[in-house]
N, C-alpha and C. Protein backbone atom coordinates (compact mmCIF):
# COMPACT_ATOMS: atom_id res chain seq x y z
N MET A 1 -15.10 11.36 4.72
CA MET A 1 -13.66 11.25 3.56
C MET A 1 -12.96 10.64 4.51
N PRO A 2 -11.89 9.06 4.01
CA PRO A 2 -11.03 8.79 4.64
C PRO A 2 -9.85 9.26 4.77
N ASP A 3 -9.07 8.76 6.08
CA ASP A 3 -8.22 9.81 6.61
C ASP A 3 -6.88 9.70 5.28
N ARG A 4 -5.77 10.59 4.89
CA ARG A 4 -5.21 10.21 3.62
C ARG A 4 -4.18 9.02 4.43
N ALA A 5 -3.37 8.34 3.15
CA ALA A 5 -2.58 7.56 3.32
C ALA A 5 -0.81 8.44 3.90
N LYS A 6 -0.39 7.85 4.62
CA LYS A 6 1.10 7.99 5.47
C LYS A 6 1.92 7.39 4.89
N ILE A 7 2.96 7.74 4.54
CA ILE A 7 4.04 7.18 4.24
C ILE A 7 5.79 7.27 5.01
N LEU A 8 6.08 6.29 5.37
CA LEU A 8 7.03 6.37 6.43
C LEU A 8 8.24 6.81 5.39
N LEU A 9 9.01 7.93 5.66
CA LEU A 9 10.42 8.29 5.31
C LEU A 9 11.46 8.04 6.17
N VAL A 10 12.05 6.98 5.81
CA VAL A 10 13.14 6.29 6.95
C VAL A 10 14.86 7.17 6.35
N ASP A 11 15.60 7.95 7.07
CA ASP A 11 16.55 8.16 6.65
C ASP A 11 17.50 8.72 7.64
N ASP A 12 18.72 9.06 8.09
CA ASP A 12 19.43 9.57 9.10
C ASP A 12 19.73 11.09 8.80
N ARG A 13 19.73 11.29 6.93
CA ARG A 13 20.39 12.84 6.80
C ARG A 13 18.95 13.48 6.56
N GLU A 14 19.05 14.91 6.99
CA GLU A 14 17.81 15.61 6.98
C GLU A 14 17.64 15.87 5.59
N GLU A 15 19.14 16.41 4.93
CA GLU A 15 18.41 16.79 3.61
C GLU A 15 17.76 15.97 2.52
N ASN A 16 18.03 14.54 2.73
CA ASN A 16 17.81 13.63 2.27
C ASN A 16 16.11 13.52 2.40
N LEU A 17 15.72 13.64 3.76
CA LEU A 17 14.19 13.50 4.00
C LEU A 17 13.41 14.71 3.15
N ILE A 18 14.33 16.10 3.49
CA ILE A 18 13.63 17.24 2.66
C ILE A 18 13.66 17.05 1.38
N ALA A 19 14.02 16.37 0.96
CA ALA A 19 14.18 16.21 -0.56
C ALA A 19 13.46 15.14 -1.15
N LEU A 20 13.13 14.28 0.09
CA LEU A 20 12.38 12.85 -0.56
C LEU A 20 10.22 14.13 -0.27
N GLU A 21 9.96 14.46 0.88
CA GLU A 21 9.05 15.28 1.06
C GLU A 21 8.58 16.34 -0.54
N ALA A 22 9.93 16.95 -0.63
CA ALA A 22 9.60 17.82 -2.08
C ALA A 22 9.33 17.05 -3.11
N ILE A 23 9.77 15.94 -3.36
CA ILE A 23 9.52 15.21 -4.48
C ILE A 23 8.30 14.44 -4.29
N LEU A 24 7.51 14.08 -3.12
CA LEU A 24 6.16 13.29 -2.85
C LEU A 24 5.06 14.77 -3.02
N SER A 25 5.23 15.95 -2.54
CA SER A 25 4.43 17.16 -1.91
C SER A 25 3.47 17.29 -3.07
N SER A 26 3.44 16.57 -4.36
CA SER A 26 2.13 16.86 -5.07
C SER A 26 1.44 15.90 -5.22
N LEU A 27 1.45 14.63 -4.40
CA LEU A 27 0.75 13.53 -3.89
C LEU A 27 -0.18 14.08 -2.68
N ASP A 28 -1.56 13.24 -2.53
CA ASP A 28 -2.35 13.38 -2.00
C ASP A 28 -1.80 12.34 -0.60
N LEU A 29 -1.26 12.92 -0.07
CA LEU A 29 -0.54 11.48 1.17
C LEU A 29 0.31 12.72 2.32
N ILE A 30 0.38 11.79 3.30
CA ILE A 30 0.72 12.39 4.35
C ILE A 30 2.38 11.45 4.99
N PRO A 31 3.55 12.29 4.84
CA PRO A 31 4.82 11.73 5.26
C PRO A 31 5.22 12.06 6.61
N VAL A 32 5.87 11.14 7.15
CA VAL A 32 6.07 11.31 8.43
C VAL A 32 7.44 10.95 8.09
N ARG A 33 8.09 11.23 9.03
CA ARG A 33 9.60 11.24 9.01
C ARG A 33 10.48 9.99 10.01
N ALA A 34 11.34 9.22 9.91
CA ALA A 34 11.73 8.58 11.12
C ALA A 34 13.60 8.92 10.54
N ARG A 35 14.60 9.40 11.79
CA ARG A 35 15.85 9.58 11.48
C ARG A 35 16.54 8.56 11.67
N SER A 36 16.19 6.98 11.65
CA SER A 36 16.88 6.00 12.30
C SER A 36 16.05 4.41 11.94
N GLY A 37 16.48 3.63 11.90
CA GLY A 37 15.68 2.28 11.98
C GLY A 37 15.10 2.44 13.46
N GLU A 38 15.58 2.42 14.24
CA GLU A 38 14.66 2.38 15.63
C GLU A 38 13.54 3.69 15.57
N GLU A 39 13.76 4.71 15.39
CA GLU A 39 12.85 5.53 15.32
C GLU A 39 11.33 5.11 14.06
N ALA A 40 12.07 4.16 13.14
CA ALA A 40 10.88 3.72 12.20
C ALA A 40 10.27 2.98 13.12
N LEU A 41 10.87 1.79 13.84
CA LEU A 41 10.08 1.14 14.64
C LEU A 41 8.87 1.23 15.67
N LYS A 42 9.50 2.52 16.03
CA LYS A 42 8.44 3.25 17.52
C LYS A 42 7.19 4.06 16.25
N ALA A 43 7.68 4.42 15.26
CA ALA A 43 6.52 5.22 14.27
C ALA A 43 5.40 3.95 14.18
N LEU A 44 6.07 2.51 13.63
CA LEU A 44 5.18 1.74 12.96
C LEU A 44 4.05 1.08 14.34
N LEU A 45 4.59 1.19 15.17
CA LEU A 45 3.80 0.74 16.59
C LEU A 45 2.30 0.86 16.72
N ASN A 46 2.05 2.65 16.16
CA ASN A 46 1.02 3.13 16.57
C ASN A 46 0.15 3.32 15.16
N THR A 47 1.09 3.30 14.30
CA THR A 47 0.57 4.21 12.76
C THR A 47 0.60 3.12 11.62
N GLU A 48 -0.71 3.27 10.74
CA GLU A 48 -0.58 2.31 9.84
C GLU A 48 -0.22 3.59 8.48
N PHE A 49 1.00 2.52 7.78
CA PHE A 49 0.84 3.36 6.95
C PHE A 49 1.19 2.46 5.30
N ALA A 50 0.95 3.56 4.45
CA ALA A 50 1.08 2.53 3.10
C ALA A 50 2.20 2.02 2.29
N LEU A 51 3.33 2.45 2.84
CA LEU A 51 4.69 2.81 2.13
C LEU A 51 5.48 3.05 2.69
N ILE A 52 7.06 2.37 2.87
CA ILE A 52 7.98 2.72 3.60
C ILE A 52 9.17 2.78 2.70
N LEU A 53 9.64 4.08 2.65
CA LEU A 53 10.82 4.47 1.93
C LEU A 53 12.19 4.46 2.68
N LEU A 54 12.84 3.53 2.29
CA LEU A 54 13.85 3.36 3.78
C LEU A 54 15.41 3.30 3.15
N ASP A 55 16.15 3.96 3.49
CA ASP A 55 17.08 4.17 3.45
C ASP A 55 18.44 3.09 3.90
N VAL A 56 19.11 2.31 3.27
CA VAL A 56 19.98 1.38 3.44
C VAL A 56 21.26 1.61 4.41
N ARG A 57 21.74 2.79 4.13
CA ARG A 57 22.98 3.11 4.57
C ARG A 57 22.52 4.01 5.72
N MET A 58 22.50 3.66 7.16
CA MET A 58 22.36 4.27 8.19
C MET A 58 22.99 4.00 9.45
N PRO A 59 23.56 4.71 10.65
CA PRO A 59 24.45 4.42 12.00
C PRO A 59 23.54 3.35 12.75
N GLY A 60 24.32 3.13 13.41
CA GLY A 60 23.17 2.06 14.23
C GLY A 60 22.51 0.63 13.43
N MET A 61 21.05 0.95 14.11
CA MET A 61 20.55 -0.27 12.80
C MET A 61 20.16 0.25 11.25
N ASP A 62 20.69 -0.42 10.30
CA ASP A 62 20.95 0.03 9.25
C ASP A 62 19.55 -0.26 8.43
N GLY A 63 18.98 -0.25 7.45
CA GLY A 63 18.14 -0.41 6.34
C GLY A 63 17.40 -1.97 6.39
N PHE A 64 18.52 -2.95 6.26
CA PHE A 64 18.45 -4.17 5.99
C PHE A 64 17.70 -5.26 7.18
N GLU A 65 18.15 -4.02 8.52
CA GLU A 65 18.17 -4.67 9.98
C GLU A 65 16.68 -4.41 10.06
N THR A 66 16.60 -2.99 9.70
CA THR A 66 15.23 -2.25 10.23
C THR A 66 14.61 -3.08 9.48
N ALA A 67 14.08 -3.39 8.04
CA ALA A 67 13.16 -4.35 7.32
C ALA A 67 13.07 -5.55 7.99
N SER A 68 14.64 -6.14 8.62
CA SER A 68 13.94 -7.65 9.11
C SER A 68 12.90 -7.23 9.95
N HIS A 69 12.83 -6.29 11.16
CA HIS A 69 12.21 -6.11 11.78
C HIS A 69 10.83 -6.31 11.63
N ILE A 70 10.83 -4.91 10.54
CA ILE A 70 9.34 -4.80 10.00
C ILE A 70 8.47 -6.18 9.76
N LYS A 71 9.37 -7.08 9.12
CA LYS A 71 8.85 -7.89 8.19
C LYS A 71 8.67 -8.73 9.50
N ARG A 72 9.07 -9.02 10.66
CA ARG A 72 8.64 -9.90 11.77
C ARG A 72 7.70 -10.03 12.18
N ARG A 73 7.29 -8.31 12.39
CA ARG A 73 5.79 -8.21 12.69
C ARG A 73 4.22 -8.57 12.19
N GLU A 74 3.55 -9.37 12.89
CA GLU A 74 2.18 -9.62 12.00
C GLU A 74 2.03 -8.48 11.53
N ARG A 75 1.61 -6.76 12.59
CA ARG A 75 1.13 -6.26 12.39
C ARG A 75 1.44 -5.16 10.62
N THR A 76 3.23 -5.17 10.49
CA THR A 76 3.69 -4.44 9.87
C THR A 76 4.39 -5.48 8.90
N ARG A 77 4.39 -6.59 8.75
CA ARG A 77 5.05 -7.38 7.99
C ARG A 77 4.49 -7.28 6.06
N ASN A 78 3.31 -6.66 6.29
CA ASN A 78 2.72 -6.43 4.59
C ASN A 78 2.90 -5.06 4.26
N ILE A 79 3.47 -4.44 4.59
CA ILE A 79 3.66 -3.03 4.13
C ILE A 79 4.91 -2.76 3.36
N PRO A 80 4.39 -2.37 2.00
CA PRO A 80 5.63 -2.63 1.20
C PRO A 80 6.54 -1.55 1.43
N ILE A 81 8.01 -2.48 0.95
CA ILE A 81 9.29 -1.39 1.56
C ILE A 81 9.75 -0.81 -0.05
N ILE A 82 10.36 -0.01 -0.14
CA ILE A 82 10.95 0.65 -1.53
C ILE A 82 12.39 1.09 -0.60
N PHE A 83 13.66 0.09 -1.04
CA PHE A 83 14.67 0.60 -0.62
C PHE A 83 15.59 1.75 -1.07
N LEU A 84 16.50 3.01 -0.75
CA LEU A 84 17.11 3.65 -1.53
C LEU A 84 18.03 3.92 -0.50
N THR A 85 19.46 3.55 -1.93
CA THR A 85 21.08 3.72 -1.47
C THR A 85 21.47 4.60 -2.85
N VAL A 86 22.66 5.09 -1.95
CA VAL A 86 23.67 5.78 -3.42
C VAL A 86 23.90 4.38 -4.33
N VAL A 87 24.32 5.44 -5.27
CA VAL A 87 25.08 4.63 -6.40
C VAL A 87 26.12 3.45 -6.48
N ASP A 88 26.80 4.23 -5.50
CA ASP A 88 28.09 3.01 -4.94
C ASP A 88 28.32 2.29 -4.15
N SER A 89 26.85 1.38 -3.87
CA SER A 89 26.69 1.12 -2.72
C SER A 89 27.62 -0.80 -3.21
N ALA A 90 27.44 -1.45 -2.22
CA ALA A 90 27.98 -2.84 -2.43
C ALA A 90 26.99 -3.77 -3.13
N PRO A 91 27.60 -4.25 -4.33
CA PRO A 91 26.92 -4.87 -5.12
C PRO A 91 25.89 -5.88 -4.76
N ASP A 92 26.06 -6.76 -3.89
CA ASP A 92 24.95 -7.32 -3.29
C ASP A 92 23.77 -6.68 -2.85
N TYR A 93 23.90 -5.48 -2.64
CA TYR A 93 22.65 -4.78 -1.89
C TYR A 93 20.75 -4.70 -2.55
N ALA A 94 20.90 -4.71 -4.20
CA ALA A 94 20.27 -5.68 -4.47
C ALA A 94 19.58 -6.38 -4.03
N PHE A 95 20.37 -7.53 -3.94
CA PHE A 95 19.90 -8.75 -3.96
C PHE A 95 19.14 -8.85 -2.54
N ARG A 96 20.35 -8.21 -1.36
CA ARG A 96 19.77 -8.03 0.08
C ARG A 96 18.72 -7.69 0.27
N SER A 97 18.45 -6.42 -0.15
CA SER A 97 17.33 -5.77 -0.10
C SER A 97 15.72 -6.49 -1.02
N TYR A 98 15.71 -6.97 -1.71
CA TYR A 98 14.95 -8.12 -2.13
C TYR A 98 14.54 -9.19 -1.13
N ALA A 99 16.20 -9.84 -0.82
CA ALA A 99 15.69 -10.84 -0.13
C ALA A 99 15.22 -10.67 1.36
N ALA A 100 15.25 -8.97 1.72
CA ALA A 100 14.89 -8.46 3.28
C ALA A 100 13.18 -8.28 3.15
N GLY A 101 12.91 -8.44 1.50
CA GLY A 101 11.41 -8.28 1.75
C GLY A 101 11.26 -7.27 0.64
N ALA A 102 11.65 -6.16 0.52
CA ALA A 102 11.53 -5.27 -0.55
C ALA A 102 10.85 -5.36 -1.35
N VAL A 103 9.41 -4.70 -2.11
CA VAL A 103 8.98 -4.75 -3.29
C VAL A 103 9.84 -3.91 -4.18
N ASP A 104 11.19 -3.27 -3.95
CA ASP A 104 11.77 -2.31 -4.96
C ASP A 104 12.93 -1.98 -4.57
N TYR A 105 14.24 -1.20 -5.22
CA TYR A 105 15.06 -0.99 -4.65
C TYR A 105 15.49 0.30 -5.54
N LEU A 106 16.04 1.34 -5.26
CA LEU A 106 16.16 2.44 -6.15
C LEU A 106 17.71 3.41 -5.88
N THR A 107 18.31 3.63 -6.57
CA THR A 107 19.69 4.18 -6.43
C THR A 107 20.13 5.64 -6.61
N LYS A 108 20.43 6.35 -5.92
CA LYS A 108 20.62 7.64 -5.63
C LYS A 108 21.60 8.33 -6.48
N PRO A 109 21.54 9.56 -7.15
CA PRO A 109 20.41 9.73 -7.32
C PRO A 109 19.57 9.20 -8.00
N PHE A 110 17.71 9.32 -8.01
CA PHE A 110 17.25 8.32 -8.77
C PHE A 110 16.20 9.59 -9.24
N ASP A 111 15.49 9.18 -10.29
CA ASP A 111 14.47 10.26 -11.34
C ASP A 111 13.35 10.63 -10.07
N PRO A 112 12.86 11.20 -10.15
CA PRO A 112 11.97 12.07 -9.09
C PRO A 112 10.98 11.11 -9.63
N TRP A 113 10.65 11.53 -11.09
CA TRP A 113 9.20 11.06 -11.41
C TRP A 113 8.70 9.81 -11.33
N VAL A 114 10.14 8.85 -11.26
CA VAL A 114 9.80 7.67 -11.19
C VAL A 114 9.60 7.27 -9.81
N LEU A 115 10.03 7.95 -8.83
CA LEU A 115 9.74 7.67 -7.31
C LEU A 115 8.37 8.38 -7.18
N ARG A 116 7.90 9.44 -7.69
CA ARG A 116 6.72 9.74 -7.39
C ARG A 116 5.64 8.92 -7.94
N ALA A 117 6.05 7.77 -8.91
CA ALA A 117 5.27 7.43 -9.89
C ALA A 117 4.82 5.74 -8.86
N LYS A 118 6.17 5.58 -8.46
CA LYS A 118 5.83 4.34 -7.62
C LYS A 118 4.79 4.30 -6.79
N VAL A 119 5.53 5.79 -6.21
CA VAL A 119 4.49 5.76 -4.60
C VAL A 119 3.33 5.78 -4.97
N ALA A 120 2.58 6.97 -6.16
CA ALA A 120 1.24 6.91 -6.34
C ALA A 120 0.86 5.75 -6.68
N VAL A 121 1.51 4.54 -7.20
CA VAL A 121 0.14 3.54 -7.46
C VAL A 121 0.39 2.66 -6.16
N PHE A 122 1.45 2.51 -5.41
CA PHE A 122 1.35 1.89 -3.86
C PHE A 122 -0.20 2.44 -2.92
N VAL A 123 0.03 3.81 -3.20
CA VAL A 123 -1.07 4.50 -2.46
C VAL A 123 -2.15 4.25 -2.67
N GLU A 124 -2.44 4.27 -4.03
CA GLU A 124 -3.68 4.07 -4.84
C GLU A 124 -4.23 2.61 -4.12
N LEU A 125 -3.08 1.46 -4.25
CA LEU A 125 -3.74 0.09 -4.11
C LEU A 125 -3.80 0.18 -2.60
N TYR A 126 -3.24 0.85 -1.53
CA TYR A 126 -3.79 1.07 -0.56
C TYR A 126 -4.87 1.37 -0.37
N ASN A 127 -5.00 2.88 -0.94
CA ASN A 127 -6.60 3.39 -0.56
C ASN A 127 -7.59 2.36 -1.33
N MET A 128 -7.78 1.62 -2.19
CA MET A 128 -8.25 0.72 -2.64
C MET A 128 -8.65 -0.59 -1.56
N ASN A 129 -7.21 -1.27 -1.47
CA ASN A 129 -7.63 -1.87 0.05
C ASN A 129 -8.79 -2.08 1.00
N ARG A 130 -8.55 -0.62 1.60
CA ARG A 130 -9.02 0.07 2.48
C ARG A 130 -10.93 0.07 1.81
N ARG A 131 -10.58 0.34 1.04
CA ARG A 131 -12.18 1.08 0.26
C ARG A 131 -12.75 -0.86 0.01
N LEU A 132 -11.93 -1.41 -0.48
CA LEU A 132 -12.73 -2.86 -0.47
C LEU A 132 -13.11 -3.36 0.74
N ALA A 133 -12.11 -3.19 1.89
CA ALA A 133 -12.57 -3.71 2.98
C ALA A 133 -13.73 -3.23 3.72
N GLU A 134 -14.10 -2.08 3.44
CA GLU A 134 -14.96 -1.39 3.89
C GLU A 134 -15.90 -1.54 3.51
N GLN A 135 -16.20 -1.78 1.78
CA GLN A 135 -16.92 -2.54 1.29
C GLN A 135 -17.52 -4.22 1.69
N ALA A 136 -16.74 -5.01 1.99
CA ALA A 136 -16.88 -6.27 2.35
C ALA A 136 -18.05 -5.93 3.77
N SER A 137 -17.26 -5.54 4.52
CA SER A 137 -17.31 -5.49 6.15
C SER A 137 -19.01 -4.82 5.92
N MET A 138 -19.07 -3.64 4.86
CA MET A 138 -20.59 -2.97 5.01
C MET A 138 -21.76 -4.36 4.30
N LEU A 139 -21.14 -5.05 2.85
CA LEU A 139 -21.59 -6.23 2.95
C LEU A 139 -22.44 -7.59 3.58
N ARG A 140 -21.00 -7.67 4.38
CA ARG A 140 -21.43 -8.72 5.50
C ARG A 140 -22.89 -8.03 6.53
N GLU A 141 -22.69 -6.71 6.63
CA GLU A 141 -23.32 -6.12 8.04
C GLU A 141 -24.78 -6.09 7.48
N ARG A 142 -25.04 -5.84 6.00
CA ARG A 142 -25.82 -5.62 5.55
C ARG A 142 -26.94 -7.09 5.24
N LEU A 143 -26.06 -7.75 4.74
CA LEU A 143 -26.49 -8.95 4.37
C LEU A 143 -27.38 -10.03 5.84
N SER A 144 -26.44 -9.67 7.36
CA SER A 144 -26.52 -9.97 8.24
C SER A 144 -28.05 -9.66 9.11
N THR A 145 -28.27 -8.51 8.73
CA THR A 145 -29.19 -7.70 9.75
C THR A 145 -30.75 -7.14 9.00
N GLU A 146 -30.28 -6.75 7.52
CA GLU A 146 -31.11 -6.21 6.41
C GLU A 146 -31.91 -7.57 5.69
N LEU A 147 -31.11 -8.50 5.65
CA LEU A 147 -31.71 -9.77 4.47
C LEU A 147 -32.01 -11.28 5.02
N PRO A 148 -32.86 -11.11 6.32
CA PRO A 148 -33.42 -12.24 6.94
C PRO A 148 -33.77 -13.26 5.70
N PRO A 149 -33.45 -14.61 5.93
CA PRO A 149 -33.95 -15.44 5.40
C PRO A 149 -35.61 -15.35 4.86
N GLY A 150 -36.26 -15.15 3.33
CA GLY A 150 -36.95 -15.36 2.96
C GLY A 150 -38.09 -14.08 3.12
N GLU A 151 -37.11 -12.77 3.17
CA GLU A 151 -37.62 -11.22 3.04
C GLU A 151 -37.08 -10.66 1.68
N ALA A 152 -37.39 -11.53 0.59
CA ALA A 152 -37.37 -11.00 -0.61
C ALA A 152 -37.42 -9.71 -0.93
N ALA A 153 -38.42 -8.68 -0.43
CA ALA A 153 -38.66 -7.44 -0.63
C ALA A 153 -37.49 -6.82 -0.05
N ASP A 154 -36.89 -6.87 0.90
CA ASP A 154 -36.05 -5.98 1.80
C ASP A 154 -34.39 -6.47 0.90
N GLN A 155 -34.77 -7.44 0.15
CA GLN A 155 -33.31 -8.27 -0.60
C GLN A 155 -33.51 -7.28 -2.01
N ALA A 156 -34.80 -7.40 -2.61
CA ALA A 156 -34.82 -6.68 -3.31
C ALA A 156 -34.53 -5.40 -3.51
N ALA A 157 -34.66 -4.25 -2.09
CA ALA A 157 -34.15 -3.00 -2.08
C ALA A 157 -32.86 -3.05 -2.03
N VAL A 158 -31.98 -3.87 -0.93
CA VAL A 158 -30.89 -3.60 -0.87
C VAL A 158 -29.73 -3.87 -1.77
N LEU A 159 -30.22 -4.87 -2.27
CA LEU A 159 -29.23 -5.41 -3.47
C LEU A 159 -28.83 -4.60 -4.39
N PRO A 160 -29.56 -3.85 -5.13
CA PRO A 160 -29.10 -2.73 -5.90
C PRO A 160 -27.94 -1.95 -5.43
N GLU A 161 -28.02 -1.30 -3.89
CA GLU A 161 -27.01 -0.39 -3.64
C GLU A 161 -25.90 -0.96 -3.80
N LEU A 162 -26.06 -2.27 -2.84
CA LEU A 162 -24.57 -3.00 -2.84
C LEU A 162 -23.88 -3.61 -4.50
N SER A 163 -24.66 -3.85 -5.46
CA SER A 163 -24.29 -4.04 -6.91
C SER A 163 -23.64 -2.39 -7.31
N ARG A 164 -24.20 -1.18 -6.85
CA ARG A 164 -23.27 -0.11 -7.36
C ARG A 164 -22.27 0.24 -6.84
N ARG A 165 -22.09 -0.29 -5.63
CA ARG A 165 -21.38 0.40 -4.69
C ARG A 165 -19.97 -0.68 -5.11
N LEU A 166 -20.42 -2.45 -5.05
CA LEU A 166 -19.20 -3.39 -6.05
C LEU A 166 -18.60 -2.42 -7.16
N THR A 167 -19.57 -2.13 -8.03
CA THR A 167 -19.32 -2.08 -9.58
C THR A 167 -18.34 -0.76 -9.38
N ALA A 168 -18.40 0.42 -8.38
CA ALA A 168 -17.42 1.13 -8.34
C ALA A 168 -16.26 1.03 -7.70
N VAL A 169 -16.29 -0.05 -7.11
CA VAL A 169 -14.79 -0.75 -6.40
C VAL A 169 -14.20 -1.18 -7.77
N GLU A 170 -14.90 -1.84 -8.69
CA GLU A 170 -14.37 -2.80 -9.79
C GLU A 170 -14.13 -1.68 -11.09
N ASP A 171 -14.39 -0.43 -11.33
CA ASP A 171 -14.23 0.52 -11.84
C ASP A 171 -13.09 0.91 -11.41
N GLU A 172 -12.94 1.04 -10.18
CA GLU A 172 -11.66 1.91 -9.52
C GLU A 172 -10.03 0.74 -9.85
N LEU A 173 -10.81 -0.21 -9.38
CA LEU A 173 -9.50 -1.13 -10.18
C LEU A 173 -9.24 -1.31 -11.26
N ALA A 174 -10.23 -0.91 -12.35
CA ALA A 174 -9.47 -1.16 -13.70
C ALA A 174 -8.74 -0.06 -13.95
N ARG A 175 -9.05 1.48 -13.40
CA ARG A 175 -8.39 2.53 -13.26
C ARG A 175 -6.91 2.33 -12.43
N VAL A 176 -7.03 1.67 -11.42
CA VAL A 176 -5.36 1.82 -10.87
C VAL A 176 -4.53 0.45 -11.51
N SER A 177 -5.76 -0.16 -12.07
CA SER A 177 -4.73 -1.39 -13.06
C SER A 177 -4.17 -1.31 -14.30
N GLU A 178 -4.71 -0.06 -14.50
CA GLU A 178 -3.98 0.78 -16.01
C GLU A 178 -3.06 1.61 -15.39
N LEU A 179 -3.20 2.36 -14.54
CA LEU A 179 -1.86 3.24 -14.23
C LEU A 179 -0.75 2.42 -13.69
N ALA A 180 -0.64 1.09 -12.91
CA ALA A 180 0.00 0.18 -12.72
C ALA A 180 0.67 -0.42 -14.03
N ARG A 181 0.18 -0.66 -15.02
CA ARG A 181 0.21 -1.05 -16.36
C ARG A 181 1.45 0.12 -16.91
N LYS A 182 0.89 1.21 -17.04
CA LYS A 182 1.86 2.38 -17.75
C LYS A 182 2.98 2.54 -17.01
N THR A 183 2.96 1.95 -15.86
CA THR A 183 4.35 2.39 -15.14
C THR A 183 5.13 1.34 -15.35
N ASN A 184 4.82 -0.18 -15.82
CA ASN A 184 5.40 -1.24 -16.20
C ASN A 184 6.30 -1.37 -15.36
N ASP A 185 5.84 -1.45 -14.13
CA ASP A 185 7.15 -1.98 -12.65
C ASP A 185 6.35 -3.26 -12.26
N PRO A 186 7.56 -4.33 -12.43
CA PRO A 186 7.08 -5.61 -12.13
C PRO A 186 6.94 -6.06 -10.79
N SER A 187 7.48 -5.18 -9.59
CA SER A 187 7.18 -5.19 -8.20
C SER A 187 5.59 -5.10 -7.84
N LEU A 188 4.54 -4.21 -8.83
CA LEU A 188 3.20 -4.25 -8.35
C LEU A 188 2.49 -5.26 -9.03
N SER A 189 2.78 -6.17 -9.74
CA SER A 189 2.20 -7.43 -9.90
C SER A 189 1.66 -8.39 -8.94
N GLY A 190 2.30 -8.49 -8.29
CA GLY A 190 2.32 -8.73 -7.12
C GLY A 190 0.95 -8.78 -6.17
N PRO A 191 0.94 -7.11 -5.65
CA PRO A 191 0.08 -6.15 -5.21
C PRO A 191 -1.14 -6.31 -5.93
N MET A 192 -1.23 -6.13 -7.14
CA MET A 192 -2.29 -6.36 -8.04
C MET A 192 -3.12 -7.37 -8.13
N ALA A 193 -2.20 -7.97 -8.28
CA ALA A 193 -2.83 -9.84 -8.33
C ALA A 193 -3.90 -10.08 -7.19
N ASP A 194 -3.44 -9.66 -5.85
CA ASP A 194 -4.14 -9.50 -4.99
C ASP A 194 -5.32 -9.29 -4.79
N LEU A 195 -5.16 -7.89 -5.24
CA LEU A 195 -6.33 -6.92 -4.96
C LEU A 195 -7.11 -7.76 -5.72
N SER A 196 -6.77 -7.78 -7.35
CA SER A 196 -8.07 -8.84 -7.96
C SER A 196 -8.31 -9.43 -7.75
N HIS A 197 -8.10 -10.16 -6.91
CA HIS A 197 -8.28 -11.83 -6.74
C HIS A 197 -9.37 -11.39 -5.74
N ARG A 198 -9.27 -10.74 -4.50
CA ARG A 198 -10.04 -10.07 -3.30
C ARG A 198 -11.12 -9.72 -3.93
N VAL A 199 -11.07 -8.39 -5.16
CA VAL A 199 -12.59 -8.01 -5.76
C VAL A 199 -13.65 -9.03 -6.23
N SER A 200 -12.61 -9.93 -7.31
CA SER A 200 -13.36 -11.03 -7.72
C SER A 200 -14.25 -12.14 -7.24
N HIS A 201 -13.46 -12.30 -5.71
CA HIS A 201 -14.20 -12.82 -4.34
C HIS A 201 -15.29 -12.75 -3.83
N LEU A 202 -15.27 -10.92 -4.02
CA LEU A 202 -16.32 -10.05 -3.53
C LEU A 202 -17.34 -10.46 -4.32
N ARG A 203 -17.23 -10.20 -5.81
CA ARG A 203 -18.56 -10.13 -6.56
C ARG A 203 -19.03 -11.48 -6.64
N ALA A 204 -17.87 -12.78 -6.44
CA ALA A 204 -18.52 -14.11 -6.62
C ALA A 204 -19.43 -14.42 -5.50
N GLY A 205 -18.97 -13.92 -4.29
CA GLY A 205 -19.77 -14.00 -3.50
C GLY A 205 -21.40 -13.14 -3.33
N PHE A 206 -21.13 -11.88 -3.97
CA PHE A 206 -22.68 -10.94 -4.13
C PHE A 206 -23.74 -11.92 -5.40
N ASP A 207 -22.37 -12.12 -6.61
CA ASP A 207 -23.37 -13.01 -7.31
C ASP A 207 -23.92 -13.97 -7.23
N ALA A 208 -23.88 -14.56 -6.32
CA ALA A 208 -23.98 -15.98 -5.58
C ALA A 208 -25.93 -15.75 -4.80
N LEU A 209 -25.96 -14.48 -4.30
CA LEU A 209 -26.71 -13.93 -3.80
C LEU A 209 -28.18 -13.65 -4.93
N THR A 210 -27.57 -13.45 -5.94
CA THR A 210 -28.71 -12.49 -7.17
C THR A 210 -28.97 -13.91 -7.92
């Protein structure tokens, strides 16, 4: 069974971290705390995260600066970031958040259901990408080791299994796409389009063999 997805929670206030963990407790994920931008960057050095929930207002390195560092690193630049801030923040905070590379921006107090729904979809996308990468790797390995040129019998044995695996990925993509549609969240359109393209590319490669 694959490891559960990890979510990085970045906030300098303990009560906010506790509240976030409570909101996300019903989801199949592992929350990881960071009390500052510096702590967040250290956590990102050795741990893979599906999503980052990042407070804007923090002493020292604020959320915008933290996001800037995250997006400059090759290893972390593609991790989606949702900014969290209080409702009376400066009017340009939303613009600055998207400019810093955030996929979304929520003001406190936010609707727990909305946050949970957004996180759930991003975790599903992350898990889908992991499974897709595994299937693509398996496909390349099986083709290189078990389907040498001219071995029609081996190909006939292996291709049905690969087809079943790929169909399962496509079915799960359809389920996640429906979940994303129900949330009516425009921030998901880019990740969903990218994932759909990758699945279509894998299907095209497989169909070329059959």
